[in-house]
């Protein structure tokens, strides 16, 4: 079951396996377990609920094909078929070590070494799922441009693919907070490093394409399906 409502969205994400300690650490940090669709107690840190609110709504993930509304006539079976076709052509691969970094003011997990396999996985999802996507509305396009004019490559991607960060402009990241001020960063960076230390020491393999769904505007994303990669 997809859980998609009339205004629902679906996204193609990477998310850790349910038995990966990173899944547990992230659910606790964000206060939301997208796998079980349940709220979780968060660490005792000032304002952590507000600081993680936006990331919590999307569930712990790295974006491959960003959230999209489905075209008229496209159903959940079509989503599963497209995801299965993509997954069958992508061999499972080892994830590089991850570390916590300051990403334009946000705390996020990023890979510690170049990962061509991650890029190829994202590229395959963007292209392979494009036939499912309803065209971006004027409001959606305006929201992507609200920080000002985009660089030419990002603007071209937004118009063609509905999202600025695809192909050459894509980068792997798993968001942990909203944008922080200097004082918040000084408090939350070491707290996040402690919270995730044990989980980040574990080696992991990318073995599935995860379909997340949002029932409607304002609803939290939930993990609806894991599609196994080849190998």
C-alpha atoms as a PDB file:
ATOM      1  CA  UNK A   1       0.000   0.000   0.000  1.00  0.00           C
ATOM      2  CA  UNK A   2       1.389   3.398  -0.960  1.00  0.00           C
ATOM      3  CA  UNK A   3      -0.599   5.606   1.432  1.00  0.00           C
ATOM      4  CA  UNK A   4      -0.790   8.264  -1.309  1.00  0.00           C
ATOM      5  CA  UNK A   5      -3.689  10.677  -1.225  1.00  0.00           C
ATOM      6  CA  UNK A   6      -4.899  12.830  -4.142  1.00  0.00           C
ATOM      7  CA  UNK A   7      -2.223  15.427  -3.338  1.00  0.00           C
ATOM      8  CA  UNK A   8       0.353  12.878  -2.237  1.00  0.00           C
ATOM      9  CA  UNK A   9       3.959  12.631  -3.342  1.00  0.00           C
ATOM     10  CA  UNK A  10       6.455   9.836  -3.775  1.00  0.00           C
ATOM     11  CA  UNK A  11      10.244  10.064  -3.516  1.00  0.00           C
ATOM     12  CA  UNK A  12      13.075   7.684  -4.385  1.00  0.00           C
ATOM     13  CA  UNK A  13      15.539   7.728  -1.482  1.00  0.00           C
ATOM     14  CA  UNK A  14      18.471   5.930   0.029  1.00  0.00           C
ATOM     15  CA  UNK A  15      17.809   4.990   3.657  1.00  0.00           C
ATOM     16  CA  UNK A  16      19.773   2.634   5.923  1.00  0.00           C
ATOM     17  CA  UNK A  17      18.578  -0.913   6.408  1.00  0.00           C
ATOM     18  CA  UNK A  18      16.298  -1.387   9.452  1.00  0.00           C
ATOM     19  CA  UNK A  19      18.967  -3.393  11.305  1.00  0.00           C
ATOM     20  CA  UNK A  20      21.656  -0.775  10.616  1.00  0.00           C
ATOM     21  CA  UNK A  21      22.445   1.150  13.835  1.00  0.00           C
ATOM     22  CA  UNK A  22      22.327   4.326  11.749  1.00  0.00           C
ATOM     23  CA  UNK A  23      18.580   3.841  11.287  1.00  0.00           C
ATOM     24  CA  UNK A  24      18.029   3.756  15.046  1.00  0.00           C
ATOM     25  CA  UNK A  25      20.366   6.674  15.736  1.00  0.00           C
ATOM     26  CA  UNK A  26      18.683   8.825  13.096  1.00  0.00           C
ATOM     27  CA  UNK A  27      15.137   7.973  14.215  1.00  0.00           C
ATOM     28  CA  UNK A  28      16.062   9.033  17.734  1.00  0.00           C
ATOM     29  CA  UNK A  29      17.813  12.202  16.591  1.00  0.00           C
ATOM     30  CA  UNK A  30      14.952  13.343  14.346  1.00  0.00           C
ATOM     31  CA  UNK A  31      12.116  12.079  16.544  1.00  0.00           C
ATOM     32  CA  UNK A  32      10.528  10.158  13.665  1.00  0.00           C
ATOM     33  CA  UNK A  33      10.937   6.564  12.535  1.00  0.00           C
ATOM     34  CA  UNK A  34       9.821   6.579   8.892  1.00  0.00           C
ATOM     35  CA  UNK A  35      10.133   2.784   8.688  1.00  0.00           C
ATOM     36  CA  UNK A  36       7.552   2.243  11.440  1.00  0.00           C
ATOM     37  CA  UNK A  37       5.716   5.539  10.965  1.00  0.00           C
ATOM     38  CA  UNK A  38       6.032   6.414  14.635  1.00  0.00           C
ATOM     39  CA  UNK A  39       7.339   9.268  16.722  1.00  0.00           C
ATOM     40  CA  UNK A  40      10.442   8.772  18.833  1.00  0.00           C
ATOM     41  CA  UNK A  41      11.908  10.461  21.915  1.00  0.00           C
ATOM     42  CA  UNK A  42      14.737  12.826  21.010  1.00  0.00           C
ATOM     43  CA  UNK A  43      17.994  13.601  22.838  1.00  0.00           C
ATOM     44  CA  UNK A  44      17.763  16.145  25.655  1.00  0.00           C
ATOM     45  CA  UNK A  45      19.056  19.162  23.735  1.00  0.00           C
ATOM     46  CA  UNK A  46      17.605  22.692  23.752  1.00  0.00           C
ATOM     47  CA  UNK A  47      15.125  23.292  20.918  1.00  0.00           C
ATOM     48  CA  UNK A  48      16.004  20.024  19.167  1.00  0.00           C
ATOM     49  CA  UNK A  49      12.370  19.556  18.152  1.00  0.00           C
ATOM     50  CA  UNK A  50      12.324  22.854  16.252  1.00  0.00           C
ATOM     51  CA  UNK A  51      15.827  22.469  14.893  1.00  0.00           C
ATOM     52  CA  UNK A  52      15.042  19.057  13.374  1.00  0.00           C
ATOM     53  CA  UNK A  53      11.412  19.759  12.393  1.00  0.00           C
ATOM     54  CA  UNK A  54      11.879  20.085   8.633  1.00  0.00           C
ATOM     55  CA  UNK A  55      14.241  17.120   8.373  1.00  0.00           C
ATOM     56  CA  UNK A  56      11.872  15.067  10.529  1.00  0.00           C
ATOM     57  CA  UNK A  57       9.002  15.591   8.105  1.00  0.00           C
ATOM     58  CA  UNK A  58      10.957  14.110   5.210  1.00  0.00           C
ATOM     59  CA  UNK A  59      12.299  11.126   7.155  1.00  0.00           C
ATOM     60  CA  UNK A  60      15.981  10.210   7.380  1.00  0.00           C
ATOM     61  CA  UNK A  61      17.211   9.803   3.825  1.00  0.00           C
ATOM     62  CA  UNK A  62      19.438  10.836   0.960  1.00  0.00           C
ATOM     63  CA  UNK A  63      17.500  12.068  -2.059  1.00  0.00           C
ATOM     64  CA  UNK A  64      17.847  10.150  -5.319  1.00  0.00           C
ATOM     65  CA  UNK A  65      14.655  11.233  -7.158  1.00  0.00           C
ATOM     66  CA  UNK A  66      13.102  14.124  -5.205  1.00  0.00           C
ATOM     67  CA  UNK A  67       9.481  14.128  -4.003  1.00  0.00           C
ATOM     68  CA  UNK A  68       7.055  14.322  -6.906  1.00  0.00           C
ATOM     69  CA  UNK A  69       3.368  14.270  -7.595  1.00  0.00           C
ATOM     70  CA  UNK A  70       2.342  11.557 -10.039  1.00  0.00           C
ATOM     71  CA  UNK A  71       1.134  12.257 -13.548  1.00  0.00           C
ATOM     72  CA  UNK A  72      -2.529  11.693 -14.340  1.00  0.00           C
ATOM     73  CA  UNK A  73      -3.115   8.024 -14.985  1.00  0.00           C
ATOM     74  CA  UNK A  74      -0.018   6.875 -13.085  1.00  0.00           C
ATOM     75  CA  UNK A  75      -0.676   4.581 -10.117  1.00  0.00           C
ATOM     76  CA  UNK A  76       1.297   2.840  -7.428  1.00  0.00           C
ATOM     77  CA  UNK A  77       1.803  -0.196  -9.619  1.00  0.00           C
ATOM     78  CA  UNK A  78       3.562   2.016 -12.163  1.00  0.00           C
ATOM     79  CA  UNK A  79       5.818   3.388  -9.422  1.00  0.00           C
ATOM     80  CA  UNK A  80       6.739  -0.117  -8.295  1.00  0.00           C
ATOM     81  CA  UNK A  81       7.418  -1.209 -11.869  1.00  0.00           C
ATOM     82  CA  UNK A  82       9.691   1.762 -12.565  1.00  0.00           C
ATOM     83  CA  UNK A  83      11.545   1.338  -9.275  1.00  0.00           C
ATOM     84  CA  UNK A  84      11.997  -2.380  -9.880  1.00  0.00           C
ATOM     85  CA  UNK A  85      13.397  -1.745 -13.369  1.00  0.00           C
ATOM     86  CA  UNK A  86      15.886   0.781 -11.987  1.00  0.00           C
ATOM     87  CA  UNK A  87      16.917  -1.476  -9.101  1.00  0.00           C
ATOM     88  CA  UNK A  88      17.442  -4.483 -11.363  1.00  0.00           C
ATOM     89  CA  UNK A  89      20.040  -2.519 -13.340  1.00  0.00           C
ATOM     90  CA  UNK A  90      21.986  -1.153 -10.327  1.00  0.00           C
ATOM     91  CA  UNK A  91      24.379  -3.537  -8.547  1.00  0.00           C
ATOM     92  CA  UNK A  92      24.510  -3.280  -4.758  1.00  0.00           C
ATOM     93  CA  UNK A  93      27.631  -1.460  -3.596  1.00  0.00           C
ATOM     94  CA  UNK A  94      29.553  -0.473  -0.475  1.00  0.00           C
ATOM     95  CA  UNK A  95      28.791   2.906   1.060  1.00  0.00           C
ATOM     96  CA  UNK A  96      31.858   5.048   1.748  1.00  0.00           C
ATOM     97  CA  UNK A  97      32.345   6.052   5.396  1.00  0.00           C
ATOM     98  CA  UNK A  98      30.001   8.851   6.423  1.00  0.00           C
ATOM     99  CA  UNK A  99      30.744  11.821   8.617  1.00  0.00           C
ATOM    100  CA  UNK A 100      28.850  14.816  10.006  1.00  0.00           C
ATOM    101  CA  UNK A 101      29.559  18.078   8.244  1.00  0.00           C
ATOM    102  CA  UNK A 102      28.330  21.651   8.098  1.00  0.00           C
ATOM    103  CA  UNK A 103      26.568  21.899   4.733  1.00  0.00           C
ATOM    104  CA  UNK A 104      25.805  25.566   4.060  1.00  0.00           C
ATOM    105  CA  UNK A 105      24.783  25.946   7.709  1.00  0.00           C
ATOM    106  CA  UNK A 106      22.854  22.674   7.959  1.00  0.00           C
ATOM    107  CA  UNK A 107      24.261  19.630   9.740  1.00  0.00           C
ATOM    108  CA  UNK A 108      24.227  16.605   7.459  1.00  0.00           C
ATOM    109  CA  UNK A 109      25.887  13.270   6.900  1.00  0.00           C
ATOM    110  CA  UNK A 110      28.068  13.166   3.810  1.00  0.00           C
ATOM    111  CA  UNK A 111      30.411  10.612   2.306  1.00  0.00           C
ATOM    112  CA  UNK A 112      34.059  10.905   3.335  1.00  0.00           C
ATOM    113  CA  UNK A 113      35.374   9.836  -0.083  1.00  0.00           C
ATOM    114  CA  UNK A 114      34.211  10.134  -3.701  1.00  0.00           C
ATOM    115  CA  UNK A 115      31.508   7.595  -4.547  1.00  0.00           C
ATOM    116  CA  UNK A 116      30.834   7.199  -8.286  1.00  0.00           C
ATOM    117  CA  UNK A 117      28.373   4.378  -7.521  1.00  0.00           C
ATOM    118  CA  UNK A 118      26.215   6.771  -5.473  1.00  0.00           C
ATOM    119  CA  UNK A 119      26.174   9.276  -8.327  1.00  0.00           C
ATOM    120  CA  UNK A 120      25.256   6.571 -10.830  1.00  0.00           C
ATOM    121  CA  UNK A 121      22.439   5.363  -8.557  1.00  0.00           C
ATOM    122  CA  UNK A 122      20.987   8.860  -8.274  1.00  0.00           C
ATOM    123  CA  UNK A 123      21.305   9.462 -12.013  1.00  0.00           C
ATOM    124  CA  UNK A 124      19.467   6.206 -12.762  1.00  0.00           C
ATOM    125  CA  UNK A 125      16.619   7.160 -10.425  1.00  0.00           C
ATOM    126  CA  UNK A 126      16.221  10.681 -11.835  1.00  0.00           C
ATOM    127  CA  UNK A 127      16.042   9.448 -15.426  1.00  0.00           C
ATOM    128  CA  UNK A 128      14.226   6.171 -14.814  1.00  0.00           C
ATOM    129  CA  UNK A 129      11.385   7.646 -12.761  1.00  0.00           C
ATOM    130  CA  UNK A 130      10.846  10.767 -14.851  1.00  0.00           C
ATOM    131  CA  UNK A 131       7.899   9.283 -16.696  1.00  0.00           C
ATOM    132  CA  UNK A 132       5.995   9.092 -13.411  1.00  0.00           C
ATOM    133  CA  UNK A 133       6.324  12.768 -12.506  1.00  0.00           C
ATOM    134  CA  UNK A 134       3.639  15.375 -12.934  1.00  0.00           C
ATOM    135  CA  UNK A 135       5.044  18.672 -14.223  1.00  0.00           C
ATOM    136  CA  UNK A 136       6.094  21.044 -11.470  1.00  0.00           C
ATOM    137  CA  UNK A 137       3.515  23.729 -10.765  1.00  0.00           C
ATOM    138  CA  UNK A 138       4.340  27.424 -10.948  1.00  0.00           C
ATOM    139  CA  UNK A 139       4.230  27.546  -7.147  1.00  0.00           C
ATOM    140  CA  UNK A 140       6.691  24.656  -6.868  1.00  0.00           C
ATOM    141  CA  UNK A 141       9.076  26.303  -9.300  1.00  0.00           C
ATOM    142  CA  UNK A 142       8.820  29.612  -7.456  1.00  0.00           C
ATOM    143  CA  UNK A 143       9.584  27.923  -4.132  1.00  0.00           C
ATOM    144  CA  UNK A 144      12.785  26.470  -5.587  1.00  0.00           C
ATOM    145  CA  UNK A 145      13.818  29.960  -6.707  1.00  0.00           C
ATOM    146  CA  UNK A 146      12.868  31.783  -3.523  1.00  0.00           C
ATOM    147  CA  UNK A 147      16.504  32.279  -2.496  1.00  0.00           C
ATOM    148  CA  UNK A 148      17.112  34.256  -5.685  1.00  0.00           C
ATOM    149  CA  UNK A 149      18.125  33.441  -9.230  1.00  0.00           C
ATOM    150  CA  UNK A 150      19.646  29.976  -9.592  1.00  0.00           C
ATOM    151  CA  UNK A 151      22.924  29.322 -11.406  1.00  0.00           C
ATOM    152  CA  UNK A 152      22.326  28.448 -15.051  1.00  0.00           C
ATOM    153  CA  UNK A 153      22.877  24.696 -14.646  1.00  0.00           C
ATOM    154  CA  UNK A 154      20.504  24.495 -11.684  1.00  0.00           C
ATOM    155  CA  UNK A 155      17.844  26.559 -13.454  1.00  0.00           C
ATOM    156  CA  UNK A 156      18.057  24.278 -16.482  1.00  0.00           C
ATOM    157  CA  UNK A 157      17.648  21.229 -14.254  1.00  0.00           C
ATOM    158  CA  UNK A 158      14.694  22.809 -12.474  1.00  0.00           C
ATOM    159  CA  UNK A 159      12.879  23.457 -15.737  1.00  0.00           C
ATOM    160  CA  UNK A 160      13.706  20.048 -17.245  1.00  0.00           C
ATOM    161  CA  UNK A 161      13.555  17.772 -14.204  1.00  0.00           C
ATOM    162  CA  UNK A 162      11.608  19.762 -11.590  1.00  0.00           C
ATOM    163  CA  UNK A 163      14.590  19.992  -9.214  1.00  0.00           C
ATOM    164  CA  UNK A 164      17.849  21.981  -9.348  1.00  0.00           C
ATOM    165  CA  UNK A 165      20.151  19.304  -7.938  1.00  0.00           C
ATOM    166  CA  UNK A 166      20.319  16.397 -10.363  1.00  0.00           C
ATOM    167  CA  UNK A 167      23.111  14.826 -12.412  1.00  0.00           C
ATOM    168  CA  UNK A 168      26.169  17.134 -12.326  1.00  0.00           C
ATOM    169  CA  UNK A 169      24.669  19.347  -9.595  1.00  0.00           C
ATOM    170  CA  UNK A 170      23.544  16.447  -7.333  1.00  0.00           C
ATOM    171  CA  UNK A 171      25.370  15.731  -4.099  1.00  0.00           C
ATOM    172  CA  UNK A 172      24.790  13.049  -1.475  1.00  0.00           C
ATOM    173  CA  UNK A 173      23.621  14.299   1.926  1.00  0.00           C
ATOM    174  CA  UNK A 174      21.425  13.128   4.791  1.00  0.00           C
ATOM    175  CA  UNK A 175      20.049  16.198   6.548  1.00  0.00           C
ATOM    176  CA  UNK A 176      20.024  16.366  10.354  1.00  0.00           C
ATOM    177  CA  UNK A 177      19.008  19.977  11.157  1.00  0.00           C
ATOM    178  CA  UNK A 178      17.730  23.229   9.746  1.00  0.00           C
ATOM    179  CA  UNK A 179      20.246  25.992   9.064  1.00  0.00           C
ATOM    180  CA  UNK A 180      21.955  26.827  12.363  1.00  0.00           C
ATOM    181  CA  UNK A 181      23.388  30.038  13.723  1.00  0.00           C
ATOM    182  CA  UNK A 182      26.903  30.053  15.181  1.00  0.00           C
ATOM    183  CA  UNK A 183      25.792  29.351  18.753  1.00  0.00           C
ATOM    184  CA  UNK A 184      23.504  26.501  17.675  1.00  0.00           C
ATOM    185  CA  UNK A 185      26.238  24.988  15.550  1.00  0.00           C
ATOM    186  CA  UNK A 186      28.688  25.109  18.457  1.00  0.00           C
ATOM    187  CA  UNK A 187      26.192  23.131  20.561  1.00  0.00           C
ATOM    188  CA  UNK A 188      24.729  20.748  17.996  1.00  0.00           C
ATOM    189  CA  UNK A 189      27.801  19.720  16.013  1.00  0.00           C
ATOM    190  CA  UNK A 190      29.538  17.990  18.969  1.00  0.00           C
ATOM    191  CA  UNK A 191      26.205  16.610  20.192  1.00  0.00           C
ATOM    192  CA  UNK A 192      25.508  15.056  16.791  1.00  0.00           C
ATOM    193  CA  UNK A 193      29.036  13.668  16.578  1.00  0.00           C
ATOM    194  CA  UNK A 194      28.561  11.932  19.932  1.00  0.00           C
ATOM    195  CA  UNK A 195      25.075  10.710  19.072  1.00  0.00           C
ATOM    196  CA  UNK A 196      26.085   9.127  15.754  1.00  0.00           C
ATOM    197  CA  UNK A 197      29.633   8.022  16.582  1.00  0.00           C
ATOM    198  CA  UNK A 198      28.934   4.327  17.112  1.00  0.00           C
ATOM    199  CA  UNK A 199      26.628   4.051  14.092  1.00  0.00           C
ATOM    200  CA  UNK A 200      29.069   5.800  11.772  1.00  0.00           C
ATOM    201  CA  UNK A 201      31.829   3.375  12.733  1.00  0.00           C
ATOM    202  CA  UNK A 202      29.843   0.515  11.149  1.00  0.00           C
ATOM    203  CA  UNK A 203      30.440  -0.377   7.501  1.00  0.00           C
ATOM    204  CA  UNK A 204      27.309  -0.456   5.358  1.00  0.00           C
ATOM    205  CA  UNK A 205      26.181  -1.544   1.923  1.00  0.00           C
ATOM    206  CA  UNK A 206      23.663   0.139  -0.360  1.00  0.00           C
ATOM    207  CA  UNK A 207      21.376  -2.749  -1.260  1.00  0.00           C
ATOM    208  CA  UNK A 208      17.926  -1.224  -1.796  1.00  0.00           C
ATOM    209  CA  UNK A 209      16.034   1.603  -3.415  1.00  0.00           C
ATOM    210  CA  UNK A 210      13.572   3.035  -0.887  1.00  0.00           C
ATOM    211  CA  UNK A 211      10.212   4.479  -1.884  1.00  0.00           C
ATOM    212  CA  UNK A 212       8.926   7.097   0.565  1.00  0.00           C
ATOM    213  CA  UNK A 213       5.427   8.509   0.349  1.00  0.00           C
ATOM    214  CA  UNK A 214       3.660  11.574   1.693  1.00  0.00           C
ATOM    215  CA  UNK A 215      -0.102  11.230   1.934  1.00  0.00           C
ATOM    216  CA  UNK A 216      -0.717  14.939   1.440  1.00  0.00           C
ATOM    217  CA  UNK A 217       0.634  18.417   2.188  1.00  0.00           C
ATOM    218  CA  UNK A 218       2.071  18.651   5.700  1.00  0.00           C
ATOM    219  CA  UNK A 219       2.047  14.885   6.305  1.00  0.00           C
ATOM    220  CA  UNK A 220       5.281  13.163   7.301  1.00  0.00           C
ATOM    221  CA  UNK A 221       6.986  10.947   4.751  1.00  0.00           C
ATOM    222  CA  UNK A 222       6.950   7.219   5.480  1.00  0.00           C
ATOM    223  CA  UNK A 223       8.981   4.374   4.017  1.00  0.00           C
ATOM    224  CA  UNK A 224       6.505   2.478   1.849  1.00  0.00           C
ATOM    225  CA  UNK A 225       8.689  -0.049   0.035  1.00  0.00           C
ATOM    226  CA  UNK A 226      12.254  -1.315  -0.276  1.00  0.00           C
ATOM    227  CA  UNK A 227      13.201  -2.547  -3.738  1.00  0.00           C
ATOM    228  CA  UNK A 228      16.336  -4.714  -3.694  1.00  0.00           C
ATOM    229  CA  UNK A 229      19.221  -3.802  -5.991  1.00  0.00           C
ATOM    230  CA  UNK A 230      20.906  -6.359  -8.212  1.00  0.00           C
ATOM    231  CA  UNK A 231      23.561  -8.582  -6.627  1.00  0.00           C
END
